[in-house]
Amino acid sequence: MNDVTLAITILWVFLFIYSIAGSIDFGAGFWSLYYSRKNPRAADIANRFLSPSWEVTNVFLVLLVVALVVFFPRAANVLGTLLLLPVSLVLILLLFRSAFIVYAYSVQQHVQALRFVSGATGLLIPGLLVSILPMTLGGFIHTKQGYPQLEFGDLLRSPTLYVHVGFGIMTELFLSALFLCDYGREAGDEVSSLRYRSLAIIFGPLALMMAVLVIVTMEPEASWIVVRMSGQQIWFLLSLVAFLAGYGALWIRRRDGRTGWPRLAVAAVVVQFALASFAYGRAHLPYIIYPDLTVEAGFTNHTMFVSLLWGYGIGTAILFPAFVLFWRLFLKDKRYLRTE
């Protein structure tokens, strides 16, 4: 594996982890708002997960951005220029959300306002993040005087932008409902677990339908990637099989009489997204932005790459025990999970 392949793989891993963790985190914020009056117990399950998790999610966002900047400095420069508006909006919303969460939990006041902020930003941020994808496909970027420029007018008139946003939101709601189904069962709240199971059953097919619509609406601006994705059929087929396995796990009748195996469903759906994102990434390579910027053109030099790789390895070794401790304290410890 050469330097460029290893670097883009590391970047993909961080992107994948953040997309899963962020979807669950932002979705939990929305469900906390949605159930705040209708079902306080279900809202409490979402809020109990949201309370410690948002800090960890932001860690992976930082790792992702730093990996992009240090491994692909030219790509970061071009993307920072083209995507200034959506990225700035995401950062403002993240800052607002994080600051409000810290304040609300510190003073134990304005709980409803906290839920509104986390719920509203929980829909806006994933939508804005996913809207970046069609911008990298080339149909909305034109080079003028040697510099690539984003044509916002063309982008806003294209249906693929809104389908991508819809896909991001549906995926977020599906993943978060599926995870909270398992989280509620782990916490001993079977009623809330079944409620989130019902939501996962609804949003699973919707997320799959939006994924299909994303491919359909890529024409004509990004016909090149549609052709390339047709060469990744085996990976997308495996992804579909994993989705069906995870979705089917929600219907399994267990020996103790409970319906659904949410832990298996979460694992299978994570595998599904890993396979689908891997296939999409392979189809997208070697371009970061089509057709102006490739991974080779945006890559740093070998000496800098080796130094940065050592730094990331040491940093990961330091952070890994902290992630294990977080898992045990907030996702497995019954004393926290069943706190009223």
C-alpha atoms as a PDB file:
ATOM      1  CA  MET A   1       0.000   0.000   0.000  1.00  0.00           C
ATOM      2  CA  ASN A   2       1.560   3.291  -1.085  1.00  0.00           C
ATOM      3  CA  ASP A   3       1.501   6.559   0.854  1.00  0.00           C
ATOM      4  CA  VAL A   4      -1.497   8.053  -0.944  1.00  0.00           C
ATOM      5  CA  THR A   5      -3.623   4.926  -0.559  1.00  0.00           C
ATOM      6  CA  LEU A   6      -2.791   4.641   3.135  1.00  0.00           C
ATOM      7  CA  ALA A   7      -3.545   8.326   3.723  1.00  0.00           C
ATOM      8  CA  ILE A   8      -6.909   8.245   1.940  1.00  0.00           C
ATOM      9  CA  THR A   9      -7.794   5.050   3.843  1.00  0.00           C
ATOM     10  CA  ILE A  10      -7.084   6.752   7.163  1.00  0.00           C
ATOM     11  CA  LEU A  11      -9.186   9.698   6.064  1.00  0.00           C
ATOM     12  CA  TRP A  12     -12.007   7.353   5.038  1.00  0.00           C
ATOM     13  CA  VAL A  13     -11.909   5.575   8.421  1.00  0.00           C
ATOM     14  CA  PHE A  14     -12.255   8.858  10.314  1.00  0.00           C
ATOM     15  CA  LEU A  15     -15.002  10.011   7.958  1.00  0.00           C
ATOM     16  CA  PHE A  16     -16.889   6.742   8.388  1.00  0.00           C
ATOM     17  CA  ILE A  17     -16.611   6.760  12.188  1.00  0.00           C
ATOM     18  CA  TYR A  18     -17.761  10.371  12.362  1.00  0.00           C
ATOM     19  CA  SER A  19     -20.662   9.756   9.988  1.00  0.00           C
ATOM     20  CA  ILE A  20     -21.946   6.889  12.174  1.00  0.00           C
ATOM     21  CA  ALA A  21     -21.253   8.537  15.539  1.00  0.00           C
ATOM     22  CA  GLY A  22     -22.508  11.916  14.324  1.00  0.00           C
ATOM     23  CA  SER A  23     -25.712  10.439  12.905  1.00  0.00           C
ATOM     24  CA  ILE A  24     -26.514   8.760  16.224  1.00  0.00           C
ATOM     25  CA  ASP A  25     -25.561  11.853  18.217  1.00  0.00           C
ATOM     26  CA  PHE A  26     -27.524  14.361  16.126  1.00  0.00           C
ATOM     27  CA  GLY A  27     -30.446  11.977  15.770  1.00  0.00           C
ATOM     28  CA  ALA A  28     -30.609  11.465  19.536  1.00  0.00           C
ATOM     29  CA  GLY A  29     -30.876  15.232  19.918  1.00  0.00           C
ATOM     30  CA  PHE A  30     -33.827  15.318  17.529  1.00  0.00           C
ATOM     31  CA  TRP A  31     -35.632  12.402  19.209  1.00  0.00           C
ATOM     32  CA  SER A  32     -35.106  14.045  22.603  1.00  0.00           C
ATOM     33  CA  LEU A  33     -36.941  17.096  21.276  1.00  0.00           C
ATOM     34  CA  TYR A  34     -39.618  15.078  19.479  1.00  0.00           C
ATOM     35  CA  TYR A  35     -40.530  13.021  22.550  1.00  0.00           C
ATOM     36  CA  SER A  36     -40.009  15.736  25.161  1.00  0.00           C
ATOM     37  CA  ARG A  37     -43.765  16.196  25.601  1.00  0.00           C
ATOM     38  CA  LYS A  38     -45.213  13.096  23.938  1.00  0.00           C
ATOM     39  CA  ASN A  39     -43.169  10.515  25.829  1.00  0.00           C
ATOM     40  CA  PRO A  40     -40.782  11.785  28.530  1.00  0.00           C
ATOM     41  CA  ARG A  41     -39.348   8.285  29.108  1.00  0.00           C
ATOM     42  CA  ALA A  42     -38.275   7.934  25.476  1.00  0.00           C
ATOM     43  CA  ALA A  43     -36.901  11.483  25.544  1.00  0.00           C
ATOM     44  CA  ASP A  44     -34.935  10.662  28.682  1.00  0.00           C
ATOM     45  CA  ILE A  45     -33.299   7.657  26.986  1.00  0.00           C
ATOM     46  CA  ALA A  46     -32.159   9.870  24.106  1.00  0.00           C
ATOM     47  CA  ASN A  47     -30.993  12.622  26.441  1.00  0.00           C
ATOM     48  CA  ARG A  48     -29.133  10.152  28.654  1.00  0.00           C
ATOM     49  CA  PHE A  49     -27.077   9.044  25.650  1.00  0.00           C
ATOM     50  CA  LEU A  50     -26.657  12.585  24.313  1.00  0.00           C
ATOM     51  CA  SER A  51     -25.303  13.950  27.596  1.00  0.00           C
ATOM     52  CA  PRO A  52     -21.804  12.364  27.411  1.00  0.00           C
ATOM     53  CA  SER A  53     -21.597  11.428  23.733  1.00  0.00           C
ATOM     54  CA  TRP A  54     -21.405  14.778  21.951  1.00  0.00           C
ATOM     55  CA  GLU A  55     -17.871  15.462  23.222  1.00  0.00           C
ATOM     56  CA  VAL A  56     -16.598  12.150  21.837  1.00  0.00           C
ATOM     57  CA  THR A  57     -18.290  12.786  18.486  1.00  0.00           C
ATOM     58  CA  ASN A  58     -16.527  16.131  18.198  1.00  0.00           C
ATOM     59  CA  VAL A  59     -13.175  14.410  18.812  1.00  0.00           C
ATOM     60  CA  PHE A  60     -13.621  12.397  15.620  1.00  0.00           C
ATOM     61  CA  LEU A  61     -14.601  15.542  13.728  1.00  0.00           C
ATOM     62  CA  VAL A  62     -11.327  17.155  14.797  1.00  0.00           C
ATOM     63  CA  LEU A  63      -9.367  14.049  13.808  1.00  0.00           C
ATOM     64  CA  LEU A  64     -11.078  14.062  10.415  1.00  0.00           C
ATOM     65  CA  VAL A  65     -10.348  17.720   9.697  1.00  0.00           C
ATOM     66  CA  VAL A  66      -6.738  17.466  10.892  1.00  0.00           C
ATOM     67  CA  ALA A  67      -6.184  14.351   8.737  1.00  0.00           C
ATOM     68  CA  LEU A  68      -7.493  16.194   5.683  1.00  0.00           C
ATOM     69  CA  VAL A  69      -5.337  19.260   6.316  1.00  0.00           C
ATOM     70  CA  VAL A  70      -2.085  17.444   7.062  1.00  0.00           C
ATOM     71  CA  PHE A  71      -2.316  14.581   4.549  1.00  0.00           C
ATOM     72  CA  PHE A  72      -3.921  16.536   1.703  1.00  0.00           C
ATOM     73  CA  PRO A  73      -3.018  20.211   2.234  1.00  0.00           C
ATOM     74  CA  ARG A  74      -3.829  21.314  -1.318  1.00  0.00           C
ATOM     75  CA  ALA A  75      -7.164  19.534  -1.189  1.00  0.00           C
ATOM     76  CA  ALA A  76      -7.949  21.224   2.117  1.00  0.00           C
ATOM     77  CA  ASN A  77      -7.098  24.605   0.588  1.00  0.00           C
ATOM     78  CA  VAL A  78      -9.343  24.081  -2.449  1.00  0.00           C
ATOM     79  CA  LEU A  79     -12.202  22.560  -0.420  1.00  0.00           C
ATOM     80  CA  GLY A  80     -11.950  25.350   2.143  1.00  0.00           C
ATOM     81  CA  THR A  81     -12.437  27.891  -0.643  1.00  0.00           C
ATOM     82  CA  LEU A  82     -15.231  26.128  -2.506  1.00  0.00           C
ATOM     83  CA  LEU A  83     -17.146  24.975   0.557  1.00  0.00           C
ATOM     84  CA  LEU A  84     -16.743  28.109   2.631  1.00  0.00           C
ATOM     85  CA  LEU A  85     -20.489  28.730   3.026  1.00  0.00           C
ATOM     86  CA  PRO A  86     -21.739  25.253   4.073  1.00  0.00           C
ATOM     87  CA  VAL A  87     -18.692  24.545   6.249  1.00  0.00           C
ATOM     88  CA  SER A  88     -19.013  27.926   7.991  1.00  0.00           C
ATOM     89  CA  LEU A  89     -22.688  27.270   8.691  1.00  0.00           C
ATOM     90  CA  VAL A  90     -21.859  23.824  10.104  1.00  0.00           C
ATOM     91  CA  LEU A  91     -19.177  25.279  12.375  1.00  0.00           C
ATOM     92  CA  ILE A  92     -21.508  28.007  13.633  1.00  0.00           C
ATOM     93  CA  LEU A  93     -24.254  25.478  14.372  1.00  0.00           C
ATOM     94  CA  LEU A  94     -21.779  23.129  16.089  1.00  0.00           C
ATOM     95  CA  LEU A  95     -20.444  25.989  18.201  1.00  0.00           C
ATOM     96  CA  PHE A  96     -23.950  27.094  19.132  1.00  0.00           C
ATOM     97  CA  ARG A  97     -25.032  23.538  19.935  1.00  0.00           C
ATOM     98  CA  SER A  98     -21.961  22.699  22.011  1.00  0.00           C
ATOM     99  CA  ALA A  99     -22.003  25.965  23.956  1.00  0.00           C
ATOM    100  CA  PHE A 100     -25.694  25.609  24.741  1.00  0.00           C
ATOM    101  CA  ILE A 101     -25.338  21.987  25.844  1.00  0.00           C
ATOM    102  CA  VAL A 102     -22.480  22.871  28.203  1.00  0.00           C
ATOM    103  CA  TYR A 103     -24.415  25.809  29.665  1.00  0.00           C
ATOM    104  CA  ALA A 104     -27.688  23.928  30.071  1.00  0.00           C
ATOM    105  CA  TYR A 105     -26.085  20.966  31.816  1.00  0.00           C
ATOM    106  CA  SER A 106     -23.927  23.177  34.013  1.00  0.00           C
ATOM    107  CA  VAL A 107     -26.770  25.217  35.477  1.00  0.00           C
ATOM    108  CA  GLN A 108     -29.493  22.550  35.135  1.00  0.00           C
ATOM    109  CA  GLN A 109     -31.892  25.026  33.609  1.00  0.00           C
ATOM    110  CA  HIS A 110     -33.547  25.630  30.251  1.00  0.00           C
ATOM    111  CA  VAL A 111     -33.911  21.896  29.592  1.00  0.00           C
ATOM    112  CA  GLN A 112     -36.625  22.425  26.984  1.00  0.00           C
ATOM    113  CA  ALA A 113     -34.590  25.089  25.212  1.00  0.00           C
ATOM    114  CA  LEU A 114     -31.617  22.713  25.209  1.00  0.00           C
ATOM    115  CA  ARG A 115     -33.719  20.024  23.583  1.00  0.00           C
ATOM    116  CA  PHE A 116     -34.960  22.479  20.975  1.00  0.00           C
ATOM    117  CA  VAL A 117     -31.427  23.585  20.088  1.00  0.00           C
ATOM    118  CA  SER A 118     -30.024  20.041  19.942  1.00  0.00           C
ATOM    119  CA  GLY A 119     -33.059  18.836  17.980  1.00  0.00           C
ATOM    120  CA  ALA A 120     -33.037  21.646  15.413  1.00  0.00           C
ATOM    121  CA  THR A 121     -29.278  21.527  14.864  1.00  0.00           C
ATOM    122  CA  GLY A 122     -29.534  17.733  14.807  1.00  0.00           C
ATOM    123  CA  LEU A 123     -31.427  18.029  11.531  1.00  0.00           C
ATOM    124  CA  LEU A 124     -29.610  21.013  10.047  1.00  0.00           C
ATOM    125  CA  ILE A 125     -26.000  19.895  10.572  1.00  0.00           C
ATOM    126  CA  PRO A 126     -26.237  16.447   8.902  1.00  0.00           C
ATOM    127  CA  GLY A 127     -28.159  17.988   6.007  1.00  0.00           C
ATOM    128  CA  LEU A 128     -25.467  20.611   5.470  1.00  0.00           C
ATOM    129  CA  LEU A 129     -22.668  18.059   5.775  1.00  0.00           C
ATOM    130  CA  VAL A 130     -24.198  15.699   3.220  1.00  0.00           C
ATOM    131  CA  SER A 131     -24.839  18.627   0.864  1.00  0.00           C
ATOM    132  CA  ILE A 132     -21.053  18.789   0.414  1.00  0.00           C
ATOM    133  CA  LEU A 133     -21.047  15.496  -1.511  1.00  0.00           C
ATOM    134  CA  PRO A 134     -22.699  16.739  -4.726  1.00  0.00           C
ATOM    135  CA  MET A 135     -20.360  19.729  -4.717  1.00  0.00           C
ATOM    136  CA  THR A 136     -17.366  17.407  -5.149  1.00  0.00           C
ATOM    137  CA  LEU A 137     -18.819  15.625  -8.179  1.00  0.00           C
ATOM    138  CA  GLY A 138     -17.769  18.341 -10.610  1.00  0.00           C
ATOM    139  CA  GLY A 139     -21.025  19.351 -12.246  1.00  0.00           C
ATOM    140  CA  PHE A 140     -21.320  22.522 -10.185  1.00  0.00           C
ATOM    141  CA  ILE A 141     -17.686  23.626 -10.231  1.00  0.00           C
ATOM    142  CA  HIS A 142     -16.173  25.624 -13.079  1.00  0.00           C
ATOM    143  CA  THR A 143     -12.625  26.860 -13.417  1.00  0.00           C
ATOM    144  CA  LYS A 144     -12.296  30.600 -14.003  1.00  0.00           C
ATOM    145  CA  GLN A 145      -8.885  32.207 -14.466  1.00  0.00           C
ATOM    146  CA  GLY A 146      -7.236  29.064 -13.132  1.00  0.00           C
ATOM    147  CA  TYR A 147      -9.307  28.861  -9.941  1.00  0.00           C
ATOM    148  CA  PRO A 148     -12.246  26.458  -9.358  1.00  0.00           C
ATOM    149  CA  GLN A 149     -15.467  28.220  -8.373  1.00  0.00           C
ATOM    150  CA  LEU A 150     -18.732  26.797  -7.091  1.00  0.00           C
ATOM    151  CA  GLU A 151     -21.832  27.783  -9.025  1.00  0.00           C
ATOM    152  CA  PHE A 152     -24.387  28.181  -6.231  1.00  0.00           C
ATOM    153  CA  GLY A 153     -27.209  28.986  -8.609  1.00  0.00           C
ATOM    154  CA  ASP A 154     -26.789  25.737 -10.529  1.00  0.00           C
ATOM    155  CA  LEU A 155     -26.438  23.815  -7.284  1.00  0.00           C
ATOM    156  CA  LEU A 156     -29.606  25.233  -5.726  1.00  0.00           C
ATOM    157  CA  ARG A 157     -31.591  24.420  -8.874  1.00  0.00           C
ATOM    158  CA  SER A 158     -30.439  20.824  -8.957  1.00  0.00           C
ATOM    159  CA  PRO A 159     -32.668  18.123  -7.396  1.00  0.00           C
ATOM    160  CA  THR A 160     -29.617  16.063  -6.427  1.00  0.00           C
ATOM    161  CA  LEU A 161     -28.750  18.594  -3.697  1.00  0.00           C
ATOM    162  CA  TYR A 162     -32.108  18.173  -1.966  1.00  0.00           C
ATOM    163  CA  VAL A 163     -32.093  14.403  -2.407  1.00  0.00           C
ATOM    164  CA  HIS A 164     -28.638  14.272  -0.785  1.00  0.00           C
ATOM    165  CA  VAL A 165     -29.910  16.379   2.119  1.00  0.00           C
ATOM    166  CA  GLY A 166     -32.964  14.128   2.450  1.00  0.00           C
ATOM    167  CA  PHE A 167     -30.737  11.067   2.399  1.00  0.00           C
ATOM    168  CA  GLY A 168     -28.577  12.500   5.183  1.00  0.00           C
ATOM    169  CA  ILE A 169     -31.589  13.251   7.371  1.00  0.00           C
ATOM    170  CA  MET A 170     -33.314   9.882   6.767  1.00  0.00           C
ATOM    171  CA  THR A 171     -30.074   8.026   7.459  1.00  0.00           C
ATOM    172  CA  GLU A 172     -29.522   9.992  10.659  1.00  0.00           C
ATOM    173  CA  LEU A 173     -33.025   9.281  11.945  1.00  0.00           C
ATOM    174  CA  PHE A 174     -32.775   5.590  11.060  1.00  0.00           C
ATOM    175  CA  LEU A 175     -29.355   5.030  12.667  1.00  0.00           C
ATOM    176  CA  SER A 176     -30.210   6.961  15.819  1.00  0.00           C
ATOM    177  CA  ALA A 177     -33.573   5.196  16.266  1.00  0.00           C
ATOM    178  CA  LEU A 178     -31.899   1.825  15.754  1.00  0.00           C
ATOM    179  CA  PHE A 179     -29.158   2.601  18.267  1.00  0.00           C
ATOM    180  CA  LEU A 180     -31.583   4.016  20.843  1.00  0.00           C
ATOM    181  CA  CYS A 181     -33.671   0.858  20.501  1.00  0.00           C
ATOM    182  CA  ASP A 182     -30.646  -1.110  21.678  1.00  0.00           C
ATOM    183  CA  TYR A 183     -29.700   1.548  24.229  1.00  0.00           C
ATOM    184  CA  GLY A 184     -33.188   1.504  25.730  1.00  0.00           C
ATOM    185  CA  ARG A 185     -33.098  -2.272  26.075  1.00  0.00           C
ATOM    186  CA  GLU A 186     -29.656  -2.081  27.686  1.00  0.00           C
ATOM    187  CA  ALA A 187     -31.096   0.447  30.134  1.00  0.00           C
ATOM    188  CA  GLY A 188     -33.979  -1.887  30.985  1.00  0.00           C
ATOM    189  CA  ASP A 189     -36.636   0.370  29.418  1.00  0.00           C
ATOM    190  CA  GLU A 190     -38.417  -2.058  27.106  1.00  0.00           C
ATOM    191  CA  VAL A 191     -41.276   0.360  26.353  1.00  0.00           C
ATOM    192  CA  SER A 192     -38.920   3.026  24.999  1.00  0.00           C
ATOM    193  CA  SER A 193     -36.898   0.382  23.181  1.00  0.00           C
ATOM    194  CA  LEU A 194     -39.990  -0.823  21.314  1.00  0.00           C
ATOM    195  CA  ARG A 195     -40.941   2.747  20.473  1.00  0.00           C
ATOM    196  CA  TYR A 196     -37.545   3.360  18.864  1.00  0.00           C
ATOM    197  CA  ARG A 197     -37.817  -0.031  17.153  1.00  0.00           C
ATOM    198  CA  SER A 198     -41.010   1.194  15.477  1.00  0.00           C
ATOM    199  CA  LEU A 199     -39.198   4.311  14.281  1.00  0.00           C
ATOM    200  CA  ALA A 200     -36.312   2.236  12.900  1.00  0.00           C
ATOM    201  CA  ILE A 201     -38.800   0.061  11.018  1.00  0.00           C
ATOM    202  CA  ILE A 202     -40.274   3.197   9.413  1.00  0.00           C
ATOM    203  CA  PHE A 203     -37.074   5.064   8.578  1.00  0.00           C
ATOM    204  CA  GLY A 204     -35.017   2.065   7.403  1.00  0.00           C
ATOM    205  CA  PRO A 205     -36.823   1.683   4.050  1.00  0.00           C
ATOM    206  CA  LEU A 206     -37.010   5.475   3.686  1.00  0.00           C
ATOM    207  CA  ALA A 207     -33.228   5.756   4.041  1.00  0.00           C
ATOM    208  CA  LEU A 208     -32.758   2.985   1.477  1.00  0.00           C
ATOM    209  CA  MET A 209     -35.177   4.660  -0.922  1.00  0.00           C
ATOM    210  CA  MET A 210     -33.340   7.978  -0.586  1.00  0.00           C
ATOM    211  CA  ALA A 211     -30.028   6.211  -1.316  1.00  0.00           C
ATOM    212  CA  VAL A 212     -31.486   4.926  -4.583  1.00  0.00           C
ATOM    213  CA  LEU A 213     -32.809   8.393  -5.442  1.00  0.00           C
ATOM    214  CA  VAL A 214     -29.348   9.861  -4.827  1.00  0.00           C
ATOM    215  CA  ILE A 215     -27.929   7.654  -7.589  1.00  0.00           C
ATOM    216  CA  VAL A 216     -30.830   8.419  -9.927  1.00  0.00           C
ATOM    217  CA  THR A 217     -30.541  12.206  -9.511  1.00  0.00           C
ATOM    218  CA  MET A 218     -26.772  12.290 -10.049  1.00  0.00           C
ATOM    219  CA  GLU A 219     -27.466  12.518 -13.777  1.00  0.00           C
ATOM    220  CA  PRO A 220     -26.570  14.577 -15.733  1.00  0.00           C
ATOM    221  CA  GLU A 221     -24.084  16.547 -13.613  1.00  0.00           C
ATOM    222  CA  ALA A 222     -22.167  13.482 -12.367  1.00  0.00           C
ATOM    223  CA  SER A 223     -22.705  10.790 -14.970  1.00  0.00           C
ATOM    224  CA  TRP A 224     -19.042   9.790 -14.593  1.00  0.00           C
ATOM    225  CA  ILE A 225     -19.511   8.482 -11.047  1.00  0.00           C
ATOM    226  CA  VAL A 226     -22.737   6.693 -11.953  1.00  0.00           C
ATOM    227  CA  VAL A 227     -20.765   4.733 -14.556  1.00  0.00           C
ATOM    228  CA  ARG A 228     -18.006   4.014 -12.050  1.00  0.00           C
ATOM    229  CA  MET A 229     -20.493   2.930  -9.373  1.00  0.00           C
ATOM    230  CA  SER A 230     -21.884   0.345 -11.782  1.00  0.00           C
ATOM    231  CA  GLY A 231     -18.477  -1.327 -11.532  1.00  0.00           C
ATOM    232  CA  GLN A 232     -18.897  -1.663  -7.757  1.00  0.00           C
ATOM    233  CA  GLN A 233     -22.091  -3.707  -7.913  1.00  0.00           C
ATOM    234  CA  ILE A 234     -20.777  -6.539  -5.764  1.00  0.00           C
ATOM    235  CA  TRP A 235     -20.067  -4.154  -2.862  1.00  0.00           C
ATOM    236  CA  PHE A 236     -23.449  -2.483  -3.130  1.00  0.00           C
ATOM    237  CA  LEU A 237     -25.112  -5.906  -3.278  1.00  0.00           C
ATOM    238  CA  LEU A 238     -23.295  -6.986  -0.120  1.00  0.00           C
ATOM    239  CA  SER A 239     -24.389  -3.710   1.446  1.00  0.00           C
ATOM    240  CA  LEU A 240     -28.010  -4.480   0.589  1.00  0.00           C
ATOM    241  CA  VAL A 241     -27.671  -7.974   2.094  1.00  0.00           C
ATOM    242  CA  ALA A 242     -26.286  -6.448   5.316  1.00  0.00           C
ATOM    243  CA  PHE A 243     -29.202  -3.993   5.425  1.00  0.00           C
ATOM    244  CA  LEU A 244     -31.737  -6.781   5.007  1.00  0.00           C
ATOM    245  CA  ALA A 245     -30.015  -8.773   7.757  1.00  0.00           C
ATOM    246  CA  GLY A 246     -30.088  -5.792  10.118  1.00  0.00           C
ATOM    247  CA  TYR A 247     -33.663  -4.862   9.259  1.00  0.00           C
ATOM    248  CA  GLY A 248     -34.752  -8.476   9.629  1.00  0.00           C
ATOM    249  CA  ALA A 249     -33.124  -8.646  13.069  1.00  0.00           C
ATOM    250  CA  LEU A 250     -35.761  -6.183  14.280  1.00  0.00           C
ATOM    251  CA  TRP A 251     -38.402  -8.884  13.738  1.00  0.00           C
ATOM    252  CA  ILE A 252     -36.659 -11.790  15.470  1.00  0.00           C
ATOM    253  CA  ARG A 253     -38.711 -13.326  18.255  1.00  0.00           C
ATOM    254  CA  ARG A 254     -36.376 -14.072  21.164  1.00  0.00           C
ATOM    255  CA  ARG A 255     -36.670 -16.876  23.701  1.00  0.00           C
ATOM    256  CA  ASP A 256     -37.537 -14.458  26.509  1.00  0.00           C
ATOM    257  CA  GLY A 257     -40.566 -13.298  24.504  1.00  0.00           C
ATOM    258  CA  ARG A 258     -39.134  -9.934  23.453  1.00  0.00           C
ATOM    259  CA  THR A 259     -39.323  -8.892  19.807  1.00  0.00           C
ATOM    260  CA  GLY A 260     -36.233  -7.769  17.940  1.00  0.00           C
ATOM    261  CA  TRP A 261     -32.497  -8.152  18.322  1.00  0.00           C
ATOM    262  CA  PRO A 262     -31.358  -4.512  18.170  1.00  0.00           C
ATOM    263  CA  ARG A 263     -27.688  -5.217  18.929  1.00  0.00           C
ATOM    264  CA  LEU A 264     -27.432  -7.441  15.865  1.00  0.00           C
ATOM    265  CA  ALA A 265     -29.397  -4.915  13.822  1.00  0.00           C
ATOM    266  CA  VAL A 266     -27.013  -2.076  14.750  1.00  0.00           C
ATOM    267  CA  ALA A 267     -23.952  -4.182  13.895  1.00  0.00           C
ATOM    268  CA  ALA A 268     -25.379  -5.280  10.533  1.00  0.00           C
ATOM    269  CA  VAL A 269     -26.419  -1.756   9.540  1.00  0.00           C
ATOM    270  CA  VAL A 270     -22.977  -0.375  10.450  1.00  0.00           C
ATOM    271  CA  VAL A 271     -21.466  -3.050   8.192  1.00  0.00           C
ATOM    272  CA  GLN A 272     -23.946  -2.024   5.502  1.00  0.00           C
ATOM    273  CA  PHE A 273     -22.848   1.603   5.628  1.00  0.00           C
ATOM    274  CA  ALA A 274     -19.181   0.565   5.674  1.00  0.00           C
ATOM    275  CA  LEU A 275     -19.628  -1.492   2.502  1.00  0.00           C
ATOM    276  CA  ALA A 276     -21.691   1.188   0.741  1.00  0.00           C
ATOM    277  CA  SER A 277     -19.305   4.010   1.632  1.00  0.00           C
ATOM    278  CA  PHE A 278     -16.320   1.871   0.575  1.00  0.00           C
ATOM    279  CA  ALA A 279     -17.948   1.228  -2.799  1.00  0.00           C
ATOM    280  CA  TYR A 280     -18.783   4.916  -3.230  1.00  0.00           C
ATOM    281  CA  GLY A 281     -15.237   5.887  -2.272  1.00  0.00           C
ATOM    282  CA  ARG A 282     -13.716   3.471  -4.776  1.00  0.00           C
ATOM    283  CA  ALA A 283     -15.949   4.870  -7.502  1.00  0.00           C
ATOM    284  CA  HIS A 284     -14.973   8.425  -6.549  1.00  0.00           C
ATOM    285  CA  LEU A 285     -11.226   7.774  -6.640  1.00  0.00           C
ATOM    286  CA  PRO A 286      -8.817   9.097  -7.766  1.00  0.00           C
ATOM    287  CA  TYR A 287     -10.729  12.381  -7.613  1.00  0.00           C
ATOM    288  CA  ILE A 288     -11.303  14.476  -4.516  1.00  0.00           C
ATOM    289  CA  ILE A 289     -13.025  17.085  -6.664  1.00  0.00           C
ATOM    290  CA  TYR A 290     -13.873  15.997 -10.201  1.00  0.00           C
ATOM    291  CA  PRO A 291     -12.052  16.671 -12.495  1.00  0.00           C
ATOM    292  CA  ASP A 292      -9.777  19.342 -11.050  1.00  0.00           C
ATOM    293  CA  LEU A 293      -8.192  17.670  -8.036  1.00  0.00           C
ATOM    294  CA  THR A 294      -6.966  14.102  -7.539  1.00  0.00           C
ATOM    295  CA  VAL A 295      -5.656  12.471  -4.378  1.00  0.00           C
ATOM    296  CA  GLU A 296      -2.129  12.407  -5.813  1.00  0.00           C
ATOM    297  CA  ALA A 297      -2.203  16.122  -6.635  1.00  0.00           C
ATOM    298  CA  GLY A 298      -3.478  17.067  -3.184  1.00  0.00           C
ATOM    299  CA  PHE A 299      -1.107  14.809  -1.233  1.00  0.00           C
ATOM    300  CA  THR A 300       1.739  15.989   1.004  1.00  0.00           C
ATOM    301  CA  ASN A 301       5.346  14.819   0.595  1.00  0.00           C
ATOM    302  CA  HIS A 302       6.638  11.445   1.862  1.00  0.00           C
ATOM    303  CA  THR A 303       8.751  12.808   4.740  1.00  0.00           C
ATOM    304  CA  MET A 304       5.887  14.840   6.137  1.00  0.00           C
ATOM    305  CA  PHE A 305       3.511  11.903   5.697  1.00  0.00           C
ATOM    306  CA  VAL A 306       5.716   9.532   7.728  1.00  0.00           C
ATOM    307  CA  SER A 307       6.058  12.066  10.537  1.00  0.00           C
ATOM    308  CA  LEU A 308       2.331  12.693  10.625  1.00  0.00           C
ATOM    309  CA  LEU A 309       1.601   8.975  10.520  1.00  0.00           C
ATOM    310  CA  TRP A 310       3.721   8.442  13.626  1.00  0.00           C
ATOM    311  CA  GLY A 311       1.913  11.284  15.332  1.00  0.00           C
ATOM    312  CA  TYR A 312      -1.482   9.817  14.503  1.00  0.00           C
ATOM    313  CA  GLY A 313      -0.381   6.380  15.687  1.00  0.00           C
ATOM    314  CA  ILE A 314       0.779   7.707  19.059  1.00  0.00           C
ATOM    315  CA  GLY A 315      -2.339   9.862  19.415  1.00  0.00           C
ATOM    316  CA  THR A 316      -4.622   6.924  18.664  1.00  0.00           C
ATOM    317  CA  ALA A 317      -2.784   4.768  21.220  1.00  0.00           C
ATOM    318  CA  ILE A 318      -3.397   7.466  23.836  1.00  0.00           C
ATOM    319  CA  LEU A 319      -7.050   7.995  22.946  1.00  0.00           C
ATOM    320  CA  PHE A 320      -8.061   4.335  22.609  1.00  0.00           C
ATOM    321  CA  PRO A 321      -8.120   3.576  26.388  1.00  0.00           C
ATOM    322  CA  ALA A 322     -10.253   6.703  26.875  1.00  0.00           C
ATOM    323  CA  PHE A 323     -12.783   5.458  24.308  1.00  0.00           C
ATOM    324  CA  VAL A 324     -12.902   2.045  26.018  1.00  0.00           C
ATOM    325  CA  LEU A 325     -13.494   3.732  29.378  1.00  0.00           C
ATOM    326  CA  PHE A 326     -16.230   5.885  27.872  1.00  0.00           C
ATOM    327  CA  TRP A 327     -17.941   2.778  26.459  1.00  0.00           C
ATOM    328  CA  ARG A 328     -17.880   1.017  29.822  1.00  0.00           C
ATOM    329  CA  LEU A 329     -19.040   4.012  31.846  1.00  0.00           C
ATOM    330  CA  PHE A 330     -21.828   5.395  29.682  1.00  0.00           C
ATOM    331  CA  LEU A 331     -22.913   2.586  27.356  1.00  0.00           C
ATOM    332  CA  LYS A 332     -22.538  -0.512  29.541  1.00  0.00           C
ATOM    333  CA  ASP A 333     -22.617   0.545  33.200  1.00  0.00           C
ATOM    334  CA  LYS A 334     -26.100  -0.213  34.567  1.00  0.00           C
ATOM    335  CA  ARG A 335     -25.692   2.402  37.304  1.00  0.00           C
ATOM    336  CA  TYR A 336     -25.642   5.126  34.667  1.00  0.00           C
ATOM    337  CA  LEU A 337     -28.019   3.535  32.188  1.00  0.00           C
ATOM    338  CA  ARG A 338     -30.776   3.049  34.756  1.00  0.00           C
ATOM    339  CA  THR A 339     -30.387   6.350  36.552  1.00  0.00           C
ATOM    340  CA  GLU A 340     -33.755   8.052  36.960  1.00  0.00           C
END
